[in-house]
Amino acid sequence: MIDQPADFKGLHRTKAAEALTMARNIEIKARIDNIEALESRVAKIADNGPTEIVQDDTFFHCEAGRLKLRVFSEKHGELIFYLRANQAGPKESFYVRSQTDEPEALRETLSLAYGEVGRVRKHRTLYLVDRTRVHLDRVEGLGHFLELEVVLSSSESSQPGVEVAHHLLDRLGIESSQLIEGAYVDLLEEKGS
């Protein structure tokens, strides 16, 4: 049985069962002082990258988990629902993504229906290291961050992914004091942005 984040407790029983078939990964975020030096270390171990991505995420009120619309361009976006514990260090994330070619119309509809919680704008540099997406994020109003997403297979327990995340943190020289909990939208809210 897969360990469920605390947010699952708020889901209806059938929704929780469906959620267990959602895609999963192990995520970890860390605050970075010198993103250029870190990028040099990441590039040396990467299998692929860099890919430069501009993202504009709008978060909406959601009873259980988080709901965000990620806009890449005027004609490309994705609606993402996810469940993840707010804790420092590696954490399992369950998620579902749905593509849209009308992100602004969808943002307006969701804002009217649910109300916005916050907005996060960032420039992301993506590298792939084996099965891990390594994100170097420049977040408007917050600064620089590293995010690791270790992709899990549907039948895999979370432990191997946690081990991969810890190994990469060690290789990249990331200290436990740099790890953050929550999402960028939470940090912006705490900051009052």
C-alpha atoms as a PDB file:
ATOM      1  CA  MET A   1       0.000   0.000   0.000  1.00  0.00           C
ATOM      2  CA  ILE A   2       1.254   3.467  -0.890  1.00  0.00           C
ATOM      3  CA  ASP A   3       1.555   5.950   1.974  1.00  0.00           C
ATOM      4  CA  GLN A   4      -0.983   8.712   1.531  1.00  0.00           C
ATOM      5  CA  PRO A   5      -0.300  12.353   2.349  1.00  0.00           C
ATOM      6  CA  ALA A   6      -2.378  13.906   5.109  1.00  0.00           C
ATOM      7  CA  ASP A   7      -4.406  15.790   2.470  1.00  0.00           C
ATOM      8  CA  PHE A   8      -5.960  12.463   1.334  1.00  0.00           C
ATOM      9  CA  LYS A   9      -7.916  12.319   4.569  1.00  0.00           C
ATOM     10  CA  GLY A  10     -10.168  15.103   3.235  1.00  0.00           C
ATOM     11  CA  LEU A  11     -11.047  13.241   0.037  1.00  0.00           C
ATOM     12  CA  HIS A  12     -14.144  11.137  -0.452  1.00  0.00           C
ATOM     13  CA  ARG A  13     -13.316   7.402  -0.291  1.00  0.00           C
ATOM     14  CA  THR A  14     -13.830   6.800  -4.047  1.00  0.00           C
ATOM     15  CA  LYS A  15     -11.808   9.872  -4.928  1.00  0.00           C
ATOM     16  CA  ALA A  16      -8.959   8.641  -2.736  1.00  0.00           C
ATOM     17  CA  ALA A  17      -9.047   5.272  -4.514  1.00  0.00           C
ATOM     18  CA  GLU A  18      -8.920   7.018  -7.892  1.00  0.00           C
ATOM     19  CA  ALA A  19      -6.099   9.239  -6.683  1.00  0.00           C
ATOM     20  CA  LEU A  20      -3.936   6.208  -6.015  1.00  0.00           C
ATOM     21  CA  THR A  21      -3.701   5.762  -9.798  1.00  0.00           C
ATOM     22  CA  MET A  22      -2.459   9.323 -10.251  1.00  0.00           C
ATOM     23  CA  ALA A  23       1.105   9.927 -11.422  1.00  0.00           C
ATOM     24  CA  ARG A  24       3.597  10.189  -8.557  1.00  0.00           C
ATOM     25  CA  ASN A  25       6.998  11.602  -7.860  1.00  0.00           C
ATOM     26  CA  ILE A  26       9.235  12.530  -4.960  1.00  0.00           C
ATOM     27  CA  GLU A  27       9.738  16.275  -4.690  1.00  0.00           C
ATOM     28  CA  ILE A  28      12.171  18.396  -2.773  1.00  0.00           C
ATOM     29  CA  LYS A  29      12.868  22.129  -2.834  1.00  0.00           C
ATOM     30  CA  ALA A  30      15.873  24.073  -1.574  1.00  0.00           C
ATOM     31  CA  ARG A  31      16.736  27.761  -1.442  1.00  0.00           C
ATOM     32  CA  ILE A  32      19.871  28.565  -3.465  1.00  0.00           C
ATOM     33  CA  ASP A  33      22.291  31.467  -2.998  1.00  0.00           C
ATOM     34  CA  ASN A  34      24.458  30.958  -6.099  1.00  0.00           C
ATOM     35  CA  ILE A  35      22.339  29.493  -8.888  1.00  0.00           C
ATOM     36  CA  GLU A  36      25.090  29.873 -11.508  1.00  0.00           C
ATOM     37  CA  ALA A  37      27.523  27.716  -9.507  1.00  0.00           C
ATOM     38  CA  LEU A  38      24.799  25.125  -8.913  1.00  0.00           C
ATOM     39  CA  GLU A  39      23.893  25.074 -12.604  1.00  0.00           C
ATOM     40  CA  SER A  40      27.500  24.271 -13.451  1.00  0.00           C
ATOM     41  CA  ARG A  41      27.384  21.253 -11.093  1.00  0.00           C
ATOM     42  CA  VAL A  42      24.020  20.100 -12.459  1.00  0.00           C
ATOM     43  CA  ALA A  43      25.164  20.394 -16.094  1.00  0.00           C
ATOM     44  CA  LYS A  44      28.116  18.081 -15.386  1.00  0.00           C
ATOM     45  CA  ILE A  45      25.880  15.210 -14.250  1.00  0.00           C
ATOM     46  CA  ALA A  46      22.851  15.811 -16.513  1.00  0.00           C
ATOM     47  CA  ASP A  47      21.760  13.422 -19.253  1.00  0.00           C
ATOM     48  CA  ASN A  48      19.731  16.147 -20.966  1.00  0.00           C
ATOM     49  CA  GLY A  49      19.262  19.913 -20.828  1.00  0.00           C
ATOM     50  CA  PRO A  50      19.168  22.736 -20.321  1.00  0.00           C
ATOM     51  CA  THR A  51      15.633  23.560 -21.422  1.00  0.00           C
ATOM     52  CA  GLU A  52      14.449  27.084 -20.593  1.00  0.00           C
ATOM     53  CA  ILE A  53      10.782  27.429 -19.566  1.00  0.00           C
ATOM     54  CA  VAL A  54       8.752  30.468 -18.494  1.00  0.00           C
ATOM     55  CA  GLN A  55       5.829  29.545 -16.227  1.00  0.00           C
ATOM     56  CA  ASP A  56       2.956  31.574 -14.801  1.00  0.00           C
ATOM     57  CA  ASP A  57       1.074  29.541 -12.170  1.00  0.00           C
ATOM     58  CA  THR A  58      -2.268  30.606 -10.703  1.00  0.00           C
ATOM     59  CA  PHE A  59      -3.459  28.705  -7.630  1.00  0.00           C
ATOM     60  CA  PHE A  60      -7.161  28.334  -6.857  1.00  0.00           C
ATOM     61  CA  HIS A  61      -9.066  27.491  -3.691  1.00  0.00           C
ATOM     62  CA  CYS A  62      -9.353  23.723  -3.472  1.00  0.00           C
ATOM     63  CA  GLU A  63     -10.978  21.630  -0.745  1.00  0.00           C
ATOM     64  CA  ALA A  64      -8.345  18.880  -0.759  1.00  0.00           C
ATOM     65  CA  GLY A  65      -4.879  19.254  -2.231  1.00  0.00           C
ATOM     66  CA  ARG A  66      -3.921  22.044  -4.619  1.00  0.00           C
ATOM     67  CA  LEU A  67      -5.249  23.180  -7.968  1.00  0.00           C
ATOM     68  CA  LYS A  68      -3.168  25.361 -10.256  1.00  0.00           C
ATOM     69  CA  LEU A  69      -3.239  26.532 -13.837  1.00  0.00           C
ATOM     70  CA  ARG A  70       0.230  26.670 -15.372  1.00  0.00           C
ATOM     71  CA  VAL A  71       0.510  28.945 -18.411  1.00  0.00           C
ATOM     72  CA  PHE A  72       3.447  28.515 -20.789  1.00  0.00           C
ATOM     73  CA  SER A  73       2.158  30.764 -23.588  1.00  0.00           C
ATOM     74  CA  GLU A  74      -1.007  32.372 -24.904  1.00  0.00           C
ATOM     75  CA  LYS A  75      -2.071  29.059 -26.477  1.00  0.00           C
ATOM     76  CA  HIS A  76      -0.538  26.492 -24.119  1.00  0.00           C
ATOM     77  CA  GLY A  77      -1.231  25.690 -20.502  1.00  0.00           C
ATOM     78  CA  GLU A  78      -2.073  22.847 -18.168  1.00  0.00           C
ATOM     79  CA  LEU A  79      -4.383  22.452 -15.223  1.00  0.00           C
ATOM     80  CA  ILE A  80      -2.676  20.513 -12.434  1.00  0.00           C
ATOM     81  CA  PHE A  81      -4.266  18.988  -9.350  1.00  0.00           C
ATOM     82  CA  TYR A  82      -1.868  17.586  -6.774  1.00  0.00           C
ATOM     83  CA  LEU A  83      -1.600  16.255  -3.253  1.00  0.00           C
ATOM     84  CA  ARG A  84       1.627  16.687  -1.333  1.00  0.00           C
ATOM     85  CA  ALA A  85       2.536  17.058   2.325  1.00  0.00           C
ATOM     86  CA  ASN A  86       4.025  20.393   3.424  1.00  0.00           C
ATOM     87  CA  GLN A  87       7.333  19.288   4.914  1.00  0.00           C
ATOM     88  CA  ALA A  88      10.999  20.031   4.366  1.00  0.00           C
ATOM     89  CA  GLY A  89      12.877  17.264   2.600  1.00  0.00           C
ATOM     90  CA  PRO A  90      11.695  14.647   0.118  1.00  0.00           C
ATOM     91  CA  LYS A  91       7.932  14.191  -0.057  1.00  0.00           C
ATOM     92  CA  GLU A  92       5.651  12.121  -2.243  1.00  0.00           C
ATOM     93  CA  SER A  93       3.422  14.027  -4.640  1.00  0.00           C
ATOM     94  CA  PHE A  94       0.368  12.609  -6.426  1.00  0.00           C
ATOM     95  CA  TYR A  95      -0.759  14.604  -9.463  1.00  0.00           C
ATOM     96  CA  VAL A  96      -2.998  14.804 -12.528  1.00  0.00           C
ATOM     97  CA  ARG A  97      -2.392  17.168 -15.468  1.00  0.00           C
ATOM     98  CA  SER A  98      -4.830  18.285 -18.165  1.00  0.00           C
ATOM     99  CA  GLN A  99      -3.696  20.289 -21.214  1.00  0.00           C
ATOM    100  CA  THR A 100      -5.479  23.409 -22.494  1.00  0.00           C
ATOM    101  CA  ASP A 101      -5.045  25.623 -25.543  1.00  0.00           C
ATOM    102  CA  GLU A 102      -7.096  28.414 -23.931  1.00  0.00           C
ATOM    103  CA  PRO A 103      -5.325  29.047 -20.624  1.00  0.00           C
ATOM    104  CA  GLU A 104      -6.539  32.627 -20.107  1.00  0.00           C
ATOM    105  CA  ALA A 105     -10.206  31.682 -20.574  1.00  0.00           C
ATOM    106  CA  LEU A 106      -9.714  28.762 -18.194  1.00  0.00           C
ATOM    107  CA  ARG A 107      -8.002  31.029 -15.634  1.00  0.00           C
ATOM    108  CA  GLU A 108     -10.942  33.440 -15.762  1.00  0.00           C
ATOM    109  CA  THR A 109     -13.471  30.603 -15.365  1.00  0.00           C
ATOM    110  CA  LEU A 110     -11.633  29.004 -12.442  1.00  0.00           C
ATOM    111  CA  SER A 111     -11.144  32.394 -10.770  1.00  0.00           C
ATOM    112  CA  LEU A 112     -14.877  33.061 -10.944  1.00  0.00           C
ATOM    113  CA  ALA A 113     -15.794  29.558  -9.758  1.00  0.00           C
ATOM    114  CA  TYR A 114     -13.234  28.999  -6.995  1.00  0.00           C
ATOM    115  CA  GLY A 115     -11.327  32.221  -6.359  1.00  0.00           C
ATOM    116  CA  GLU A 116      -7.575  32.688  -6.647  1.00  0.00           C
ATOM    117  CA  VAL A 117      -5.186  31.905  -3.791  1.00  0.00           C
ATOM    118  CA  GLY A 118      -2.075  33.357  -5.419  1.00  0.00           C
ATOM    119  CA  ARG A 119       0.129  33.573  -8.460  1.00  0.00           C
ATOM    120  CA  VAL A 120       3.724  32.439  -9.026  1.00  0.00           C
ATOM    121  CA  ARG A 121       5.799  33.592 -11.991  1.00  0.00           C
ATOM    122  CA  LYS A 122       9.119  31.919 -12.632  1.00  0.00           C
ATOM    123  CA  HIS A 123      11.836  31.149 -15.125  1.00  0.00           C
ATOM    124  CA  ARG A 124      12.747  27.474 -14.921  1.00  0.00           C
ATOM    125  CA  THR A 125      15.877  25.817 -16.285  1.00  0.00           C
ATOM    126  CA  LEU A 126      15.232  22.086 -16.657  1.00  0.00           C
ATOM    127  CA  TYR A 127      17.836  19.327 -16.678  1.00  0.00           C
ATOM    128  CA  LEU A 128      17.269  15.568 -16.618  1.00  0.00           C
ATOM    129  CA  VAL A 129      19.485  13.365 -14.466  1.00  0.00           C
ATOM    130  CA  ASP A 130      18.416   9.763 -15.062  1.00  0.00           C
ATOM    131  CA  ARG A 131      14.742   9.731 -13.961  1.00  0.00           C
ATOM    132  CA  THR A 132      14.923  13.012 -12.048  1.00  0.00           C
ATOM    133  CA  ARG A 133      13.777  16.386 -13.343  1.00  0.00           C
ATOM    134  CA  VAL A 134      16.164  18.975 -11.924  1.00  0.00           C
ATOM    135  CA  HIS A 135      14.656  22.464 -11.917  1.00  0.00           C
ATOM    136  CA  LEU A 136      16.675  25.616 -11.324  1.00  0.00           C
ATOM    137  CA  ASP A 137      13.972  28.177 -10.597  1.00  0.00           C
ATOM    138  CA  ARG A 138      14.194  31.956 -10.608  1.00  0.00           C
ATOM    139  CA  VAL A 139      10.976  32.912  -8.827  1.00  0.00           C
ATOM    140  CA  GLU A 140       9.665  36.477  -9.042  1.00  0.00           C
ATOM    141  CA  GLY A 141       9.633  38.047  -5.580  1.00  0.00           C
ATOM    142  CA  LEU A 142      11.372  35.080  -3.888  1.00  0.00           C
ATOM    143  CA  GLY A 143      14.773  34.394  -5.425  1.00  0.00           C
ATOM    144  CA  HIS A 144      16.509  31.219  -6.585  1.00  0.00           C
ATOM    145  CA  PHE A 145      15.592  27.611  -5.842  1.00  0.00           C
ATOM    146  CA  LEU A 146      16.434  24.042  -6.738  1.00  0.00           C
ATOM    147  CA  GLU A 147      13.569  21.602  -7.156  1.00  0.00           C
ATOM    148  CA  LEU A 148      14.045  17.875  -7.714  1.00  0.00           C
ATOM    149  CA  GLU A 149      11.254  15.656  -9.027  1.00  0.00           C
ATOM    150  CA  VAL A 150      12.122  11.960  -8.972  1.00  0.00           C
ATOM    151  CA  VAL A 151       9.577  10.162 -11.175  1.00  0.00           C
ATOM    152  CA  LEU A 152       8.122   6.988  -9.647  1.00  0.00           C
ATOM    153  CA  SER A 153       6.615   4.065 -11.535  1.00  0.00           C
ATOM    154  CA  SER A 154       3.029   3.128 -10.681  1.00  0.00           C
ATOM    155  CA  SER A 155       4.097   0.040  -8.719  1.00  0.00           C
ATOM    156  CA  GLU A 156       7.160   1.533  -7.023  1.00  0.00           C
ATOM    157  CA  SER A 157       7.216   2.483  -3.349  1.00  0.00           C
ATOM    158  CA  SER A 158       8.371   5.974  -2.451  1.00  0.00           C
ATOM    159  CA  GLN A 159      11.567   4.850  -0.677  1.00  0.00           C
ATOM    160  CA  PRO A 160      13.770   4.385  -3.797  1.00  0.00           C
ATOM    161  CA  GLY A 161      12.770   7.867  -4.970  1.00  0.00           C
ATOM    162  CA  VAL A 162      13.608   9.362  -1.571  1.00  0.00           C
ATOM    163  CA  GLU A 163      17.028   7.695  -1.757  1.00  0.00           C
ATOM    164  CA  VAL A 164      17.629   9.105  -5.262  1.00  0.00           C
ATOM    165  CA  ALA A 165      16.665  12.591  -4.024  1.00  0.00           C
ATOM    166  CA  HIS A 166      19.039  12.394  -1.038  1.00  0.00           C
ATOM    167  CA  HIS A 167      21.859  11.123  -3.266  1.00  0.00           C
ATOM    168  CA  LEU A 168      21.385  14.023  -5.713  1.00  0.00           C
ATOM    169  CA  LEU A 169      21.265  16.566  -2.889  1.00  0.00           C
ATOM    170  CA  ASP A 170      24.595  15.204  -1.635  1.00  0.00           C
ATOM    171  CA  ARG A 171      26.156  15.271  -5.123  1.00  0.00           C
ATOM    172  CA  LEU A 172      25.025  18.869  -5.616  1.00  0.00           C
ATOM    173  CA  GLY A 173      26.219  20.024  -2.186  1.00  0.00           C
ATOM    174  CA  ILE A 174      22.784  21.021  -0.863  1.00  0.00           C
ATOM    175  CA  GLU A 175      22.590  21.275   2.942  1.00  0.00           C
ATOM    176  CA  SER A 176      19.511  20.313   4.973  1.00  0.00           C
ATOM    177  CA  SER A 177      19.306  23.921   6.214  1.00  0.00           C
ATOM    178  CA  GLN A 178      18.504  24.986   2.625  1.00  0.00           C
ATOM    179  CA  LEU A 179      15.447  22.721   2.316  1.00  0.00           C
ATOM    180  CA  ILE A 180      12.020  24.337   2.365  1.00  0.00           C
ATOM    181  CA  GLU A 181       8.521  23.044   2.950  1.00  0.00           C
ATOM    182  CA  GLY A 182       5.390  24.029   1.089  1.00  0.00           C
ATOM    183  CA  ALA A 183       5.055  25.595  -2.323  1.00  0.00           C
ATOM    184  CA  TYR A 184       6.318  28.865  -3.783  1.00  0.00           C
ATOM    185  CA  VAL A 185       2.803  30.283  -3.426  1.00  0.00           C
ATOM    186  CA  ASP A 186       3.026  29.656   0.354  1.00  0.00           C
ATOM    187  CA  LEU A 187       6.366  31.474   0.571  1.00  0.00           C
ATOM    188  CA  LEU A 188       4.930  34.427  -1.349  1.00  0.00           C
ATOM    189  CA  GLU A 189       1.922  34.508   0.977  1.00  0.00           C
ATOM    190  CA  GLU A 190       4.197  34.443   4.050  1.00  0.00           C
ATOM    191  CA  LYS A 191       6.208  37.274   2.546  1.00  0.00           C
ATOM    192  CA  GLY A 192       3.027  39.245   1.901  1.00  0.00           C
ATOM    193  CA  SER A 193       3.548  39.476  -1.866  1.00  0.00           C
END
